[in-house]
Amino acid sequence: MTEKRRSLLRRLYDWTLAWAEHPKAGLALFFIAVIEASVFPIPPDVLLLLMSISRPQDAFRFAAITTAGSTLGAVIGYAIGMFLFVAVAQPVLEFYHAMETFNQVQERFNEWGVWFVVIAGFSPIPFKIITIAAGAFDLAFLPFIIAAILARAARFYMEAAVMRWGGEPLRNLVEKHFQLLTAVVTIAVIGGFALLWL
């Protein structure tokens, strides 16, 4: 990864975190979840976790917002792959240097079908690659969207549950080591892109 792209990812990451205390944080969470599943590189998890730490009683509502946004983003990504591959998807994939991996995804779909969507929903591999590929490779839409909803809901609700039921000790731990945890998340995000660029 070039220094320029690393710097861009860092700026986007900081911009995402900045929304946590904003009055429109819920709307921002939905929007980031939408675009992450289609074009945006930073996962909504970082914002979901921050918001759930500050308001644990609303953690499941935040998970629902994130799931809804990610589902809409999955539909958009699928449509981009199916109808706008040359105009939109290809430039996005080329920007992330992901064309070769994108082609390899077809083999995974051939091997695992819709289960690959479920696996990708939990992995650090950018979900947009999967949603765009599903449309481009004509994966049946209904199984795709069901798998996307299940995978993303399970992931986001699990994170929300940890924040809601982890209690004060967990929240204190997260807040005490927040810089370390955000660094880990950043490494996971960058690692996901690195997997695409190998």
N, C-alpha and C. Protein backbone atom coordinates (compact mmCIF):
# COMPACT_ATOMS: atom_id res chain seq x y z
N MET A 1 0.85 -1.19 0.00
CA MET A 1 0.00 0.00 0.00
C MET A 1 0.88 1.24 0.00
N THR A 2 0.60 2.19 -0.87
CA THR A 2 1.41 3.40 -0.94
C THR A 2 1.12 4.29 0.26
N GLU A 3 2.06 5.19 0.53
CA GLU A 3 1.89 6.13 1.65
C GLU A 3 0.68 7.02 1.42
N LYS A 4 0.44 7.37 0.17
CA LYS A 4 -0.69 8.24 -0.16
C LYS A 4 -2.01 7.56 0.20
N ARG A 5 -2.14 6.27 -0.16
CA ARG A 5 -3.38 5.55 0.15
C ARG A 5 -3.52 5.32 1.65
N ARG A 6 -2.39 5.04 2.32
CA ARG A 6 -2.44 4.85 3.77
C ARG A 6 -2.90 6.13 4.45
N SER A 7 -2.41 7.26 3.98
CA SER A 7 -2.81 8.55 4.52
C SER A 7 -4.29 8.81 4.27
N LEU A 8 -4.76 8.45 3.09
CA LEU A 8 -6.18 8.62 2.77
C LEU A 8 -7.05 7.78 3.69
N LEU A 9 -6.66 6.53 3.90
CA LEU A 9 -7.41 5.66 4.81
C LEU A 9 -7.45 6.24 6.22
N ARG A 10 -6.33 6.77 6.67
CA ARG A 10 -6.26 7.35 8.01
C ARG A 10 -7.21 8.55 8.13
N ARG A 11 -7.21 9.40 7.11
CA ARG A 11 -8.10 10.58 7.14
C ARG A 11 -9.56 10.15 7.13
N LEU A 12 -9.89 9.16 6.32
CA LEU A 12 -11.26 8.66 6.28
C LEU A 12 -11.66 8.03 7.60
N TYR A 13 -10.72 7.33 8.21
CA TYR A 13 -10.97 6.71 9.51
C TYR A 13 -11.25 7.78 10.57
N ASP A 14 -10.41 8.82 10.62
CA ASP A 14 -10.60 9.91 11.58
C ASP A 14 -11.93 10.63 11.33
N TRP A 15 -12.28 10.81 10.06
CA TRP A 15 -13.55 11.46 9.72
C TRP A 15 -14.72 10.63 10.23
N THR A 16 -14.63 9.31 10.09
CA THR A 16 -15.68 8.43 10.56
C THR A 16 -15.84 8.53 12.07
N LEU A 17 -14.72 8.49 12.80
CA LEU A 17 -14.77 8.58 14.26
C LEU A 17 -15.35 9.91 14.74
N ALA A 18 -15.11 10.96 13.97
CA ALA A 18 -15.57 12.29 14.37
C ALA A 18 -17.09 12.38 14.49
N TRP A 19 -17.82 11.47 13.85
CA TRP A 19 -19.28 11.51 13.88
C TRP A 19 -19.87 10.95 15.18
N ALA A 20 -19.06 10.30 16.01
CA ALA A 20 -19.58 9.58 17.16
C ALA A 20 -20.39 10.46 18.11
N GLU A 21 -19.95 11.68 18.33
CA GLU A 21 -20.63 12.58 19.28
C GLU A 21 -21.52 13.60 18.58
N HIS A 22 -21.68 13.47 17.29
CA HIS A 22 -22.48 14.43 16.53
C HIS A 22 -23.97 14.19 16.79
N PRO A 23 -24.79 15.27 16.82
CA PRO A 23 -26.24 15.10 17.01
C PRO A 23 -26.88 14.19 15.96
N LYS A 24 -26.31 14.14 14.78
CA LYS A 24 -26.84 13.30 13.71
C LYS A 24 -26.04 11.99 13.58
N ALA A 25 -25.51 11.51 14.69
CA ALA A 25 -24.66 10.32 14.66
C ALA A 25 -25.39 9.10 14.10
N GLY A 26 -26.67 8.94 14.44
CA GLY A 26 -27.44 7.80 13.94
C GLY A 26 -27.57 7.83 12.42
N LEU A 27 -27.81 9.01 11.88
CA LEU A 27 -27.91 9.16 10.43
C LEU A 27 -26.55 8.91 9.78
N ALA A 28 -25.50 9.43 10.42
CA ALA A 28 -24.15 9.21 9.90
C ALA A 28 -23.80 7.71 9.90
N LEU A 29 -24.20 7.02 10.97
CA LEU A 29 -23.95 5.58 11.06
C LEU A 29 -24.64 4.83 9.92
N PHE A 30 -25.89 5.19 9.66
CA PHE A 30 -26.62 4.57 8.56
C PHE A 30 -25.93 4.84 7.22
N PHE A 31 -25.57 6.09 7.00
CA PHE A 31 -24.95 6.50 5.73
C PHE A 31 -23.61 5.79 5.51
N ILE A 32 -22.78 5.73 6.56
CA ILE A 32 -21.48 5.07 6.45
C ILE A 32 -21.67 3.58 6.18
N ALA A 33 -22.67 2.96 6.83
CA ALA A 33 -22.95 1.54 6.59
C ALA A 33 -23.38 1.31 5.14
N VAL A 34 -24.15 2.25 4.59
CA VAL A 34 -24.59 2.13 3.19
C VAL A 34 -23.39 2.18 2.24
N ILE A 35 -22.58 3.21 2.38
CA ILE A 35 -21.50 3.39 1.41
C ILE A 35 -20.36 2.41 1.62
N GLU A 36 -20.19 1.90 2.86
CA GLU A 36 -19.13 0.91 3.09
C GLU A 36 -19.39 -0.38 2.34
N ALA A 37 -20.67 -0.74 2.19
CA ALA A 37 -21.02 -1.98 1.51
C ALA A 37 -20.98 -1.82 -0.01
N SER A 38 -20.70 -0.61 -0.49
CA SER A 38 -20.68 -0.41 -1.94
C SER A 38 -19.40 0.28 -2.44
N VAL A 39 -18.89 1.31 -1.72
CA VAL A 39 -17.70 2.01 -2.23
C VAL A 39 -16.71 2.47 -1.14
N PHE A 40 -17.14 2.66 0.08
CA PHE A 40 -16.34 3.32 1.13
C PHE A 40 -15.42 2.31 1.83
N PRO A 41 -14.16 2.69 2.13
CA PRO A 41 -13.22 1.71 2.68
C PRO A 41 -13.30 1.45 4.18
N ILE A 42 -13.87 2.37 4.97
CA ILE A 42 -13.86 2.21 6.43
C ILE A 42 -15.14 1.53 6.89
N PRO A 43 -15.04 0.45 7.67
CA PRO A 43 -16.24 -0.26 8.12
C PRO A 43 -17.02 0.56 9.15
N PRO A 44 -18.33 0.38 9.21
CA PRO A 44 -19.14 1.14 10.18
C PRO A 44 -18.93 0.67 11.61
N ASP A 45 -18.26 -0.45 11.80
CA ASP A 45 -18.06 -1.02 13.14
C ASP A 45 -17.42 -0.03 14.10
N VAL A 46 -16.46 0.76 13.61
CA VAL A 46 -15.75 1.68 14.49
C VAL A 46 -16.72 2.70 15.08
N LEU A 47 -17.63 3.21 14.28
CA LEU A 47 -18.61 4.18 14.75
C LEU A 47 -19.66 3.49 15.61
N LEU A 48 -20.11 2.31 15.21
CA LEU A 48 -21.07 1.54 16.01
C LEU A 48 -20.53 1.28 17.41
N LEU A 49 -19.29 0.87 17.52
CA LEU A 49 -18.70 0.57 18.83
C LEU A 49 -18.59 1.82 19.69
N LEU A 50 -18.15 2.92 19.09
CA LEU A 50 -18.02 4.17 19.84
C LEU A 50 -19.38 4.63 20.38
N MET A 51 -20.39 4.59 19.52
CA MET A 51 -21.71 5.04 19.92
C MET A 51 -22.30 4.11 20.98
N SER A 52 -22.03 2.82 20.86
CA SER A 52 -22.54 1.85 21.83
C SER A 52 -21.85 1.99 23.18
N ILE A 53 -20.59 2.39 23.17
CA ILE A 53 -19.87 2.63 24.43
C ILE A 53 -20.48 3.82 25.16
N SER A 54 -20.76 4.89 24.41
CA SER A 54 -21.27 6.10 25.04
C SER A 54 -22.73 5.98 25.44
N ARG A 55 -23.50 5.16 24.70
CA ARG A 55 -24.92 4.97 25.03
C ARG A 55 -25.27 3.48 24.95
N PRO A 56 -24.83 2.68 25.91
CA PRO A 56 -25.05 1.23 25.85
C PRO A 56 -26.51 0.83 25.81
N GLN A 57 -27.39 1.66 26.39
CA GLN A 57 -28.82 1.34 26.37
C GLN A 57 -29.39 1.39 24.95
N ASP A 58 -28.70 2.07 24.04
CA ASP A 58 -29.16 2.19 22.66
C ASP A 58 -28.36 1.31 21.70
N ALA A 59 -27.52 0.43 22.25
CA ALA A 59 -26.60 -0.35 21.41
C ALA A 59 -27.33 -1.17 20.36
N PHE A 60 -28.44 -1.82 20.74
CA PHE A 60 -29.15 -2.67 19.78
C PHE A 60 -29.85 -1.82 18.71
N ARG A 61 -30.28 -0.63 19.08
CA ARG A 61 -30.86 0.27 18.08
C ARG A 61 -29.78 0.69 17.07
N PHE A 62 -28.58 0.95 17.57
CA PHE A 62 -27.48 1.29 16.67
C PHE A 62 -27.14 0.11 15.76
N ALA A 63 -27.19 -1.10 16.31
CA ALA A 63 -26.93 -2.30 15.50
C ALA A 63 -27.97 -2.44 14.40
N ALA A 64 -29.23 -2.13 14.74
CA ALA A 64 -30.31 -2.21 13.74
C ALA A 64 -30.08 -1.18 12.63
N ILE A 65 -29.68 0.02 13.01
CA ILE A 65 -29.40 1.08 12.03
C ILE A 65 -28.26 0.65 11.10
N THR A 66 -27.21 0.08 11.70
CA THR A 66 -26.06 -0.35 10.91
C THR A 66 -26.43 -1.48 9.96
N THR A 67 -27.22 -2.43 10.47
CA THR A 67 -27.65 -3.55 9.63
C THR A 67 -28.50 -3.07 8.46
N ALA A 68 -29.42 -2.15 8.75
CA ALA A 68 -30.29 -1.61 7.69
C ALA A 68 -29.46 -0.89 6.64
N GLY A 69 -28.51 -0.07 7.08
CA GLY A 69 -27.66 0.65 6.14
C GLY A 69 -26.80 -0.29 5.31
N SER A 70 -26.23 -1.30 5.96
CA SER A 70 -25.37 -2.24 5.26
C SER A 70 -26.18 -3.07 4.25
N THR A 71 -27.42 -3.37 4.60
CA THR A 71 -28.29 -4.11 3.67
C THR A 71 -28.59 -3.29 2.43
N LEU A 72 -28.93 -2.01 2.64
CA LEU A 72 -29.16 -1.13 1.50
C LEU A 72 -27.88 -1.00 0.67
N GLY A 73 -26.75 -0.87 1.34
CA GLY A 73 -25.48 -0.79 0.63
C GLY A 73 -25.19 -2.04 -0.17
N ALA A 74 -25.57 -3.20 0.37
CA ALA A 74 -25.38 -4.46 -0.35
C ALA A 74 -26.20 -4.49 -1.62
N VAL A 75 -27.43 -3.97 -1.54
CA VAL A 75 -28.29 -3.89 -2.74
C VAL A 75 -27.65 -2.97 -3.78
N ILE A 76 -27.14 -1.83 -3.30
CA ILE A 76 -26.49 -0.88 -4.22
C ILE A 76 -25.25 -1.51 -4.85
N GLY A 77 -24.43 -2.16 -4.03
CA GLY A 77 -23.24 -2.82 -4.55
C GLY A 77 -23.58 -3.89 -5.58
N TYR A 78 -24.62 -4.66 -5.29
CA TYR A 78 -25.07 -5.70 -6.22
C TYR A 78 -25.50 -5.07 -7.55
N ALA A 79 -26.28 -3.98 -7.46
CA ALA A 79 -26.75 -3.29 -8.67
C ALA A 79 -25.58 -2.70 -9.46
N ILE A 80 -24.59 -2.15 -8.75
CA ILE A 80 -23.41 -1.61 -9.43
C ILE A 80 -22.69 -2.71 -10.19
N GLY A 81 -22.53 -3.86 -9.54
CA GLY A 81 -21.86 -4.98 -10.19
C GLY A 81 -22.62 -5.51 -11.39
N MET A 82 -23.94 -5.51 -11.29
CA MET A 82 -24.76 -6.08 -12.36
C MET A 82 -24.96 -5.11 -13.53
N PHE A 83 -25.21 -3.84 -13.21
CA PHE A 83 -25.61 -2.89 -14.26
C PHE A 83 -24.57 -1.82 -14.60
N LEU A 84 -23.66 -1.54 -13.68
CA LEU A 84 -22.72 -0.42 -13.87
C LEU A 84 -21.28 -0.86 -13.66
N PHE A 85 -20.96 -2.06 -14.07
CA PHE A 85 -19.62 -2.57 -13.77
C PHE A 85 -18.53 -1.72 -14.42
N VAL A 86 -18.64 -1.47 -15.69
CA VAL A 86 -17.59 -0.72 -16.41
C VAL A 86 -17.55 0.73 -15.95
N ALA A 87 -18.71 1.33 -15.77
CA ALA A 87 -18.77 2.76 -15.45
C ALA A 87 -18.38 3.07 -14.00
N VAL A 88 -18.77 2.20 -13.07
CA VAL A 88 -18.57 2.50 -11.65
C VAL A 88 -17.69 1.47 -10.95
N ALA A 89 -18.07 0.19 -11.05
CA ALA A 89 -17.38 -0.84 -10.27
C ALA A 89 -15.92 -0.98 -10.66
N GLN A 90 -15.63 -1.01 -11.94
CA GLN A 90 -14.25 -1.21 -12.38
C GLN A 90 -13.32 -0.09 -11.90
N PRO A 91 -13.71 1.19 -12.02
CA PRO A 91 -12.83 2.24 -11.48
C PRO A 91 -12.62 2.12 -9.97
N VAL A 92 -13.68 1.72 -9.22
CA VAL A 92 -13.53 1.55 -7.77
C VAL A 92 -12.55 0.43 -7.47
N LEU A 93 -12.72 -0.69 -8.14
CA LEU A 93 -11.84 -1.85 -7.92
C LEU A 93 -10.41 -1.55 -8.33
N GLU A 94 -10.24 -0.81 -9.41
CA GLU A 94 -8.89 -0.44 -9.85
C GLU A 94 -8.24 0.51 -8.86
N PHE A 95 -9.03 1.40 -8.26
CA PHE A 95 -8.49 2.31 -7.25
C PHE A 95 -7.93 1.54 -6.06
N TYR A 96 -8.63 0.46 -5.66
CA TYR A 96 -8.18 -0.38 -4.56
C TYR A 96 -7.22 -1.47 -5.00
N HIS A 97 -6.84 -1.47 -6.29
CA HIS A 97 -5.95 -2.51 -6.84
C HIS A 97 -6.52 -3.90 -6.56
N ALA A 98 -7.81 -4.06 -6.79
CA ALA A 98 -8.50 -5.29 -6.40
C ALA A 98 -9.05 -6.08 -7.57
N MET A 99 -8.67 -5.74 -8.79
CA MET A 99 -9.25 -6.42 -9.94
C MET A 99 -8.88 -7.91 -9.97
N GLU A 100 -7.62 -8.22 -9.67
CA GLU A 100 -7.20 -9.62 -9.71
C GLU A 100 -7.94 -10.43 -8.65
N THR A 101 -8.03 -9.88 -7.44
CA THR A 101 -8.76 -10.57 -6.39
C THR A 101 -10.23 -10.66 -6.72
N PHE A 102 -10.77 -9.62 -7.32
CA PHE A 102 -12.17 -9.63 -7.73
C PHE A 102 -12.44 -10.82 -8.66
N ASN A 103 -11.54 -11.06 -9.59
CA ASN A 103 -11.70 -12.19 -10.49
C ASN A 103 -11.60 -13.52 -9.75
N GLN A 104 -10.74 -13.56 -8.71
CA GLN A 104 -10.60 -14.77 -7.92
C GLN A 104 -11.86 -15.05 -7.09
N VAL A 105 -12.59 -13.99 -6.76
CA VAL A 105 -13.82 -14.16 -5.99
C VAL A 105 -14.82 -15.03 -6.74
N GLN A 106 -14.78 -14.95 -8.07
CA GLN A 106 -15.69 -15.77 -8.86
C GLN A 106 -15.49 -17.26 -8.55
N GLU A 107 -14.25 -17.67 -8.35
CA GLU A 107 -13.97 -19.06 -8.00
C GLU A 107 -14.59 -19.41 -6.65
N ARG A 108 -14.54 -18.47 -5.72
CA ARG A 108 -15.13 -18.72 -4.40
C ARG A 108 -16.64 -18.85 -4.50
N PHE A 109 -17.25 -18.02 -5.34
CA PHE A 109 -18.69 -18.14 -5.54
C PHE A 109 -19.03 -19.49 -6.18
N ASN A 110 -18.22 -19.91 -7.11
CA ASN A 110 -18.45 -21.21 -7.75
C ASN A 110 -18.32 -22.35 -6.75
N GLU A 111 -17.37 -22.22 -5.80
CA GLU A 111 -17.14 -23.27 -4.81
C GLU A 111 -18.19 -23.26 -3.71
N TRP A 112 -18.43 -22.07 -3.15
CA TRP A 112 -19.23 -21.97 -1.94
C TRP A 112 -20.59 -21.30 -2.14
N GLY A 113 -20.80 -20.69 -3.28
CA GLY A 113 -22.07 -20.04 -3.53
C GLY A 113 -22.36 -18.95 -2.51
N VAL A 114 -23.58 -18.93 -2.03
CA VAL A 114 -24.02 -17.87 -1.14
C VAL A 114 -23.31 -17.92 0.21
N TRP A 115 -22.75 -19.06 0.58
CA TRP A 115 -22.04 -19.15 1.86
C TRP A 115 -20.82 -18.26 1.89
N PHE A 116 -20.28 -17.95 0.73
CA PHE A 116 -19.15 -17.04 0.69
C PHE A 116 -19.56 -15.64 1.15
N VAL A 117 -20.79 -15.25 0.86
CA VAL A 117 -21.31 -13.96 1.33
C VAL A 117 -21.36 -13.95 2.86
N VAL A 118 -21.81 -15.06 3.44
CA VAL A 118 -21.90 -15.16 4.90
C VAL A 118 -20.51 -15.04 5.52
N ILE A 119 -19.54 -15.77 4.95
CA ILE A 119 -18.17 -15.73 5.47
C ILE A 119 -17.59 -14.32 5.34
N ALA A 120 -17.80 -13.70 4.18
CA ALA A 120 -17.24 -12.37 3.94
C ALA A 120 -17.85 -11.33 4.87
N GLY A 121 -19.10 -11.55 5.29
CA GLY A 121 -19.75 -10.61 6.20
C GLY A 121 -19.07 -10.49 7.54
N PHE A 122 -18.28 -11.50 7.92
CA PHE A 122 -17.57 -11.49 9.20
C PHE A 122 -16.08 -11.22 9.04
N SER A 123 -15.59 -11.23 7.82
CA SER A 123 -14.15 -11.12 7.60
C SER A 123 -13.74 -9.66 7.45
N PRO A 124 -12.42 -9.39 7.56
CA PRO A 124 -11.95 -8.02 7.33
C PRO A 124 -11.87 -7.66 5.84
N ILE A 125 -12.13 -8.63 4.96
CA ILE A 125 -12.14 -8.32 3.53
C ILE A 125 -13.28 -7.34 3.25
N PRO A 126 -13.00 -6.23 2.56
CA PRO A 126 -14.04 -5.22 2.31
C PRO A 126 -15.31 -5.83 1.70
N PHE A 127 -16.44 -5.58 2.35
CA PHE A 127 -17.70 -6.19 1.94
C PHE A 127 -18.13 -5.73 0.54
N LYS A 128 -17.69 -4.53 0.15
CA LYS A 128 -18.06 -4.01 -1.17
C LYS A 128 -17.57 -4.91 -2.29
N ILE A 129 -16.42 -5.56 -2.09
CA ILE A 129 -15.90 -6.45 -3.12
C ILE A 129 -16.88 -7.61 -3.34
N ILE A 130 -17.45 -8.09 -2.26
CA ILE A 130 -18.38 -9.22 -2.33
C ILE A 130 -19.71 -8.79 -2.95
N THR A 131 -20.22 -7.64 -2.54
CA THR A 131 -21.52 -7.20 -3.06
C THR A 131 -21.44 -6.90 -4.56
N ILE A 132 -20.36 -6.22 -4.96
CA ILE A 132 -20.19 -5.92 -6.39
C ILE A 132 -20.00 -7.20 -7.18
N ALA A 133 -19.19 -8.12 -6.65
CA ALA A 133 -18.94 -9.39 -7.34
C ALA A 133 -20.22 -10.21 -7.46
N ALA A 134 -21.06 -10.19 -6.43
CA ALA A 134 -22.31 -10.95 -6.47
C ALA A 134 -23.18 -10.50 -7.64
N GLY A 135 -23.24 -9.19 -7.86
CA GLY A 135 -24.00 -8.68 -9.00
C GLY A 135 -23.33 -8.96 -10.32
N ALA A 136 -22.02 -8.76 -10.37
CA ALA A 136 -21.28 -8.96 -11.62
C ALA A 136 -21.31 -10.42 -12.07
N PHE A 137 -21.27 -11.33 -11.09
CA PHE A 137 -21.26 -12.76 -11.42
C PHE A 137 -22.65 -13.38 -11.38
N ASP A 138 -23.67 -12.50 -11.28
CA ASP A 138 -25.07 -12.94 -11.39
C ASP A 138 -25.46 -13.97 -10.33
N LEU A 139 -24.98 -13.78 -9.09
CA LEU A 139 -25.45 -14.61 -7.99
C LEU A 139 -26.92 -14.30 -7.77
N ALA A 140 -27.73 -15.33 -7.53
CA ALA A 140 -29.17 -15.12 -7.34
C ALA A 140 -29.40 -14.08 -6.24
N PHE A 141 -30.25 -13.07 -6.55
CA PHE A 141 -30.38 -11.93 -5.64
C PHE A 141 -30.98 -12.31 -4.29
N LEU A 142 -32.05 -13.07 -4.26
CA LEU A 142 -32.72 -13.36 -2.98
C LEU A 142 -31.81 -14.09 -2.01
N PRO A 143 -31.15 -15.19 -2.42
CA PRO A 143 -30.21 -15.83 -1.49
C PRO A 143 -29.08 -14.89 -1.07
N PHE A 144 -28.62 -14.06 -2.01
CA PHE A 144 -27.55 -13.11 -1.70
C PHE A 144 -27.97 -12.15 -0.60
N ILE A 145 -29.14 -11.53 -0.75
CA ILE A 145 -29.54 -10.51 0.22
C ILE A 145 -29.88 -11.11 1.57
N ILE A 146 -30.44 -12.32 1.57
CA ILE A 146 -30.72 -13.01 2.84
C ILE A 146 -29.40 -13.30 3.56
N ALA A 147 -28.42 -13.79 2.81
CA ALA A 147 -27.12 -14.08 3.41
C ALA A 147 -26.45 -12.81 3.92
N ALA A 148 -26.56 -11.74 3.16
CA ALA A 148 -25.96 -10.46 3.56
C ALA A 148 -26.60 -9.95 4.85
N ILE A 149 -27.93 -10.02 4.93
CA ILE A 149 -28.63 -9.56 6.13
C ILE A 149 -28.22 -10.38 7.35
N LEU A 150 -28.21 -11.70 7.20
CA LEU A 150 -27.86 -12.58 8.32
C LEU A 150 -26.43 -12.33 8.79
N ALA A 151 -25.51 -12.24 7.84
CA ALA A 151 -24.10 -12.05 8.20
C ALA A 151 -23.86 -10.71 8.87
N ARG A 152 -24.39 -9.66 8.28
CA ARG A 152 -24.15 -8.33 8.84
C ARG A 152 -24.89 -8.13 10.16
N ALA A 153 -26.13 -8.63 10.26
CA ALA A 153 -26.87 -8.50 11.52
C ALA A 153 -26.16 -9.25 12.63
N ALA A 154 -25.70 -10.46 12.35
CA ALA A 154 -25.00 -11.24 13.37
C ALA A 154 -23.75 -10.50 13.85
N ARG A 155 -23.03 -9.95 12.91
CA ARG A 155 -21.79 -9.22 13.26
C ARG A 155 -22.09 -7.98 14.09
N PHE A 156 -23.02 -7.15 13.63
CA PHE A 156 -23.28 -5.87 14.31
C PHE A 156 -23.99 -6.07 15.65
N TYR A 157 -24.92 -7.01 15.72
CA TYR A 157 -25.61 -7.25 16.98
C TYR A 157 -24.67 -7.88 18.01
N MET A 158 -23.74 -8.69 17.56
CA MET A 158 -22.75 -9.27 18.47
C MET A 158 -21.89 -8.17 19.08
N GLU A 159 -21.46 -7.23 18.25
CA GLU A 159 -20.66 -6.12 18.75
C GLU A 159 -21.47 -5.26 19.72
N ALA A 160 -22.73 -5.01 19.38
CA ALA A 160 -23.59 -4.21 20.26
C ALA A 160 -23.83 -4.91 21.58
N ALA A 161 -24.02 -6.23 21.53
CA ALA A 161 -24.27 -7.00 22.76
C ALA A 161 -23.07 -6.93 23.70
N VAL A 162 -21.88 -7.00 23.13
CA VAL A 162 -20.67 -6.90 23.96
C VAL A 162 -20.62 -5.55 24.66
N MET A 163 -20.95 -4.49 23.93
CA MET A 163 -20.92 -3.15 24.52
C MET A 163 -22.04 -2.95 25.54
N ARG A 164 -23.22 -3.52 25.26
CA ARG A 164 -24.37 -3.33 26.16
C ARG A 164 -24.24 -4.14 27.44
N TRP A 165 -23.82 -5.39 27.31
CA TRP A 165 -23.80 -6.29 28.46
C TRP A 165 -22.42 -6.48 29.07
N GLY A 166 -21.44 -5.86 28.46
CA GLY A 166 -20.10 -5.99 29.01
C GLY A 166 -19.95 -5.27 30.33
N GLY A 167 -20.88 -4.36 30.57
CA GLY A 167 -20.85 -3.65 31.84
C GLY A 167 -19.80 -2.56 31.91
N GLU A 168 -19.77 -1.89 33.04
CA GLU A 168 -18.85 -0.78 33.24
C GLU A 168 -17.39 -1.20 33.12
N PRO A 169 -17.00 -2.40 33.64
CA PRO A 169 -15.59 -2.79 33.50
C PRO A 169 -15.12 -2.85 32.05
N LEU A 170 -15.97 -3.41 31.18
CA LEU A 170 -15.60 -3.51 29.77
C LEU A 170 -15.51 -2.12 29.15
N ARG A 171 -16.48 -1.27 29.44
CA ARG A 171 -16.46 0.08 28.88
C ARG A 171 -15.23 0.84 29.37
N ASN A 172 -14.88 0.66 30.66
CA ASN A 172 -13.68 1.31 31.18
C ASN A 172 -12.43 0.79 30.49
N LEU A 173 -12.42 -0.52 30.24
CA LEU A 173 -11.28 -1.13 29.55
C LEU A 173 -11.14 -0.58 28.14
N VAL A 174 -12.28 -0.49 27.43
CA VAL A 174 -12.27 0.02 26.06
C VAL A 174 -11.81 1.47 26.05
N GLU A 175 -12.35 2.26 26.97
CA GLU A 175 -11.98 3.68 27.01
C GLU A 175 -10.52 3.87 27.41
N LYS A 176 -10.03 3.03 28.33
CA LYS A 176 -8.65 3.14 28.78
C LYS A 176 -7.67 2.79 27.66
N HIS A 177 -8.03 1.79 26.87
CA HIS A 177 -7.13 1.32 25.81
C HIS A 177 -7.68 1.65 24.42
N PHE A 178 -8.42 2.75 24.34
CA PHE A 178 -9.09 3.07 23.09
C PHE A 178 -8.10 3.26 21.94
N GLN A 179 -6.99 3.95 22.20
CA GLN A 179 -6.01 4.18 21.14
C GLN A 179 -5.48 2.85 20.58
N LEU A 180 -5.21 1.92 21.50
CA LEU A 180 -4.72 0.60 21.07
C LEU A 180 -5.78 -0.13 20.25
N LEU A 181 -7.03 -0.08 20.73
CA LEU A 181 -8.11 -0.78 20.03
C LEU A 181 -8.38 -0.18 18.66
N THR A 182 -8.35 1.14 18.56
CA THR A 182 -8.56 1.75 17.25
C THR A 182 -7.40 1.41 16.31
N ALA A 183 -6.21 1.28 16.87
CA ALA A 183 -5.07 0.87 16.05
C ALA A 183 -5.27 -0.54 15.51
N VAL A 184 -5.81 -1.41 16.38
CA VAL A 184 -6.08 -2.80 15.96
C VAL A 184 -7.12 -2.81 14.84
N VAL A 185 -8.18 -2.02 15.01
CA VAL A 185 -9.21 -1.94 13.97
C VAL A 185 -8.62 -1.43 12.67
N THR A 186 -7.79 -0.40 12.78
CA THR A 186 -7.15 0.16 11.58
C THR A 186 -6.29 -0.89 10.88
N ILE A 187 -5.53 -1.65 11.67
CA ILE A 187 -4.70 -2.71 11.10
C ILE A 187 -5.57 -3.76 10.41
N ALA A 188 -6.72 -4.09 11.04
CA ALA A 188 -7.62 -5.07 10.43
C ALA A 188 -8.16 -4.57 9.10
N VAL A 189 -8.52 -3.29 9.07
CA VAL A 189 -9.02 -2.69 7.81
C VAL A 189 -7.94 -2.73 6.74
N ILE A 190 -6.74 -2.27 7.10
CA ILE A 190 -5.63 -2.26 6.15
C ILE A 190 -5.28 -3.68 5.73
N GLY A 191 -5.36 -4.61 6.71
CA GLY A 191 -5.09 -6.01 6.40
C GLY A 191 -6.07 -6.57 5.40
N GLY A 192 -7.33 -6.15 5.52
CA GLY A 192 -8.33 -6.59 4.55
C GLY A 192 -7.98 -6.16 3.15
N PHE A 193 -7.53 -4.92 3.02
CA PHE A 193 -7.11 -4.44 1.71
C PHE A 193 -5.83 -5.13 1.25
N ALA A 194 -4.94 -5.42 2.20
CA ALA A 194 -3.70 -6.11 1.84
C ALA A 194 -4.01 -7.49 1.25
N LEU A 195 -5.02 -8.16 1.81
CA LEU A 195 -5.41 -9.45 1.27
C LEU A 195 -5.85 -9.33 -0.19
N LEU A 196 -6.45 -8.20 -0.50
CA LEU A 196 -6.89 -7.98 -1.87
C LEU A 196 -5.72 -7.67 -2.80
N TRP A 197 -4.66 -7.12 -2.24
CA TRP A 197 -3.55 -6.66 -3.08
C TRP A 197 -2.43 -7.69 -3.21
N LEU A 198 -2.56 -8.82 -2.50
CA LEU A 198 -1.52 -9.86 -2.60
C LEU A 198 -1.55 -10.47 -3.99
